[in-house]
Protein backbone atom coordinates (compact mmCIF):
# COMPACT_ATOMS: atom_id res chain seq x y z
CA UNK A 1 -31.59 -47.02 -2.61
CA UNK A 2 -30.17 -43.96 -4.15
CA UNK A 3 -32.32 -40.87 -4.88
CA UNK A 4 -31.37 -38.33 -7.48
CA UNK A 5 -31.94 -34.86 -6.14
CA UNK A 6 -34.17 -32.72 -8.16
CA UNK A 7 -32.80 -29.05 -8.57
CA UNK A 8 -36.04 -27.64 -9.83
CA UNK A 9 -39.22 -27.17 -7.97
CA UNK A 10 -42.61 -25.74 -8.42
CA UNK A 11 -44.00 -23.14 -6.47
CA UNK A 12 -47.68 -22.70 -6.04
CA UNK A 13 -48.58 -19.74 -4.00
CA UNK A 14 -50.46 -16.31 -4.05
CA UNK A 15 -48.67 -13.66 -6.10
CA UNK A 16 -48.25 -11.26 -3.01
CA UNK A 17 -46.29 -14.24 -1.30
CA UNK A 18 -44.24 -14.58 -4.34
CA UNK A 19 -43.46 -10.88 -4.48
CA UNK A 20 -42.07 -11.15 -0.83
CA UNK A 21 -39.84 -14.06 -1.85
CA UNK A 22 -38.33 -12.25 -4.76
CA UNK A 23 -37.80 -9.18 -2.41
CA UNK A 24 -36.15 -11.39 0.30
CA UNK A 25 -33.94 -13.06 -2.59
CA UNK A 26 -33.10 -9.66 -3.85
CA UNK A 27 -31.98 -8.53 -0.27
CA UNK A 28 -29.99 -11.60 -0.11
CA UNK A 29 -28.33 -10.90 -3.33
CA UNK A 30 -27.55 -7.36 -2.34
CA UNK A 31 -25.90 -8.71 0.82
CA UNK A 32 -23.87 -11.35 -0.87
CA UNK A 33 -22.83 -8.36 -3.56
CA UNK A 34 -21.79 -6.20 -0.59
CA UNK A 35 -19.81 -8.99 1.15
CA UNK A 36 -18.07 -9.69 -2.23
CA UNK A 37 -17.25 -6.08 -2.77
CA UNK A 38 -15.78 -5.85 0.84
CA UNK A 39 -13.76 -8.95 0.54
CA UNK A 40 -12.40 -7.86 -3.03
CA UNK A 41 -11.37 -4.49 -1.32
CA UNK A 42 -9.80 -6.23 1.61
CA UNK A 43 -7.93 -8.57 -0.76
CA UNK A 44 -6.61 -5.64 -3.08
CA UNK A 45 -5.81 -3.36 -0.19
CA UNK A 46 -6.36 0.42 -0.08
CA UNK A 47 -4.69 3.47 -1.63
CA UNK A 48 -1.54 4.65 -0.03
CA UNK A 49 -0.15 8.13 0.52
CA UNK A 50 3.62 7.72 -0.31
CA UNK A 51 6.43 10.03 0.22
CA UNK A 52 9.23 9.18 -2.01
CA UNK A 53 12.78 10.61 -1.22
CA UNK A 54 14.80 10.11 -4.26
CA UNK A 55 17.23 12.46 -5.96
CA UNK A 56 17.67 10.43 -9.23
CA UNK A 57 15.09 11.48 -11.80
CA UNK A 58 15.13 7.99 -13.56
CA UNK A 59 14.39 6.25 -10.42
CA UNK A 60 11.42 8.81 -9.71
CA UNK A 61 10.09 7.88 -13.17
CA UNK A 62 10.34 4.13 -12.40
CA UNK A 63 8.43 4.46 -9.26
CA UNK A 64 5.80 6.65 -10.84
CA UNK A 65 5.42 4.20 -13.72
CA UNK A 66 5.13 1.20 -11.31
CA UNK A 67 2.47 3.06 -9.04
CA UNK A 68 0.48 4.23 -12.04
CA UNK A 69 0.24 0.73 -13.49
CA UNK A 70 -1.36 -0.45 -10.32
CA UNK A 71 -5.16 -1.07 -9.91
CA UNK A 72 -5.25 0.77 -6.76
CA UNK A 73 -4.23 4.36 -7.46
CA UNK A 74 -1.79 5.54 -4.62
CA UNK A 75 -0.78 9.13 -4.09
CA UNK A 76 2.84 9.91 -4.64
CA UNK A 77 4.68 13.05 -3.02
CA UNK A 78 8.26 13.51 -4.20
CA UNK A 79 11.22 14.99 -2.38
CA UNK A 80 14.61 14.94 -3.87
CA UNK A 81 16.44 15.15 -0.48
CA UNK A 82 15.98 14.76 3.10
CA UNK A 83 15.62 18.50 3.91
CA UNK A 84 12.80 18.94 1.41
CA UNK A 85 11.07 15.86 2.88
CA UNK A 86 11.36 17.23 6.36
CA UNK A 87 9.75 20.45 5.15
CA UNK A 88 6.93 18.52 3.59
CA UNK A 89 6.27 16.53 6.56
CA UNK A 90 6.28 19.60 8.95
CA UNK A 91 4.07 21.82 6.72
CA UNK A 92 1.44 18.90 6.04
CA UNK A 93 -1.64 18.31 8.32
CA UNK A 94 -1.96 14.88 6.61
CA UNK A 95 1.09 12.62 6.87
CA UNK A 96 1.95 9.99 4.38
CA UNK A 97 1.19 6.24 5.09
CA UNK A 98 4.58 5.15 4.05
CA UNK A 99 7.94 6.67 3.11
CA UNK A 100 10.21 5.18 0.45
CA UNK A 101 13.74 6.27 1.04
CA UNK A 102 16.86 6.14 -0.89
CA UNK A 103 20.04 6.30 1.21
CA UNK A 104 22.32 8.20 -1.02
CA UNK A 105 21.06 11.85 -1.34
CA UNK A 106 22.49 15.29 -1.18
CA UNK A 107 22.03 17.65 1.85
CA UNK A 108 20.76 15.07 4.42
CA UNK A 109 21.45 11.41 3.50
CA UNK A 110 19.07 8.65 4.17
CA UNK A 111 20.34 7.46 7.33
CA UNK A 112 20.52 11.18 8.78
CA UNK A 113 16.85 11.60 7.48
CA UNK A 114 15.82 8.33 9.27
CA UNK A 115 17.43 9.43 12.73
CA UNK A 116 15.53 12.85 12.53
CA UNK A 117 12.33 11.08 11.58
CA UNK A 118 12.52 8.48 14.29
CA UNK A 119 13.39 11.29 16.91
CA UNK A 120 10.20 13.11 16.19
CA UNK A 121 7.18 11.95 18.22
CA UNK A 122 4.86 13.02 15.41
CA UNK A 123 6.79 11.24 12.53
CA UNK A 124 8.32 8.21 14.13
CA UNK A 125 5.48 5.82 13.49
CA UNK A 126 5.45 6.31 9.66
CA UNK A 127 7.03 3.17 8.25
CA UNK A 128 10.05 3.74 6.10
CA UNK A 129 11.16 1.37 3.55
CA UNK A 130 14.71 1.90 2.18
CA UNK A 131 14.94 1.40 -1.64
CA UNK A 132 18.82 1.57 -2.43
CA UNK A 133 21.38 0.14 -4.68
CA UNK A 134 23.61 -0.03 -1.49
CA UNK A 135 24.22 -3.62 -0.44
CA UNK A 136 26.60 -2.41 2.35
CA UNK A 137 25.97 -4.51 5.43
CA UNK A 138 26.76 -1.53 7.78
CA UNK A 139 23.95 0.45 6.12
CA UNK A 140 21.66 -2.40 6.40
CA UNK A 141 22.43 -2.85 10.18
CA UNK A 142 22.36 1.00 10.95
CA UNK A 143 18.71 1.35 9.17
CA UNK A 144 17.28 -1.53 11.13
CA UNK A 145 18.95 -0.25 14.36
CA UNK A 146 17.37 3.11 13.83
CA UNK A 147 13.94 1.53 13.03
CA UNK A 148 13.49 1.01 9.29
CA UNK A 149 10.34 -1.18 8.42
CA UNK A 150 12.08 -2.62 5.25
CA UNK A 151 15.33 -2.52 3.20
CA UNK A 152 14.87 -3.47 -0.60
CA UNK A 153 17.68 -3.48 -3.00
CA UNK A 154 16.82 -2.03 -6.36
CA UNK A 155 17.41 -4.54 -9.03
CA UNK A 156 19.10 -3.71 -12.34
CA UNK A 157 16.55 -5.40 -14.51
CA UNK A 158 13.22 -3.26 -14.85
CA UNK A 159 11.01 -6.43 -14.71
CA UNK A 160 12.55 -7.50 -11.17
CA UNK A 161 12.23 -3.87 -10.25
CA UNK A 162 8.45 -3.73 -10.99
CA UNK A 163 8.02 -7.18 -9.38
CA UNK A 164 9.55 -6.02 -6.04
CA UNK A 165 7.68 -2.68 -6.04
CA UNK A 166 4.30 -4.40 -6.80
CA UNK A 167 5.08 -6.82 -3.84
CA UNK A 168 5.90 -3.76 -1.49
CA UNK A 169 2.93 -1.70 -2.42
CA UNK A 170 0.67 -4.74 -2.03
CA UNK A 171 2.05 -5.60 1.18
CA UNK A 172 1.72 -2.04 2.62
CA UNK A 173 -1.80 -1.41 1.27
CA UNK A 174 -3.16 -4.39 3.30
CA UNK A 175 -1.33 -3.41 6.68
CA UNK A 176 -3.03 -1.60 9.32
CA UNK A 177 -1.06 1.62 9.83
CA UNK A 178 -0.95 4.07 12.87
CA UNK A 179 -2.48 7.66 12.07
CA UNK A 180 -1.88 10.38 14.53
């Protein structure tokens, strides 16, 4: 014999009991709401402090445009060469979460900067992601040998660039990062 469930019920109780039931339900609702907010934040990730080493103003504008279009508002610090970036890193009490690095820069190129960074006890744990047009296999091998966290080729089409940058930012915003 099949019984159909009745989703409505009648509650016969004293008003003071009803009030405590409502408060209990309100507490449960608040708890559920807090869990949903936590899960949503965990899924979205957290805001990143990003050091961008890029000497091309068009590329800097593209990175800024992608970052500004994100739901999570990341902080971008810009350096146009490796010397400037090292000065920023040495003067700052607060280090960036990640570094986005172009290889072809004046003064100190990307690989030289990466070597200096990875030889510094205070800076070596900052993840460095190379953003470059260089598909040179030797550059790729050298960067991974030194300790780069990622190597991303900049696509020519802007839509492809946006796609890669969104994935990169999403990935690093959910990572557990070392802070010293």
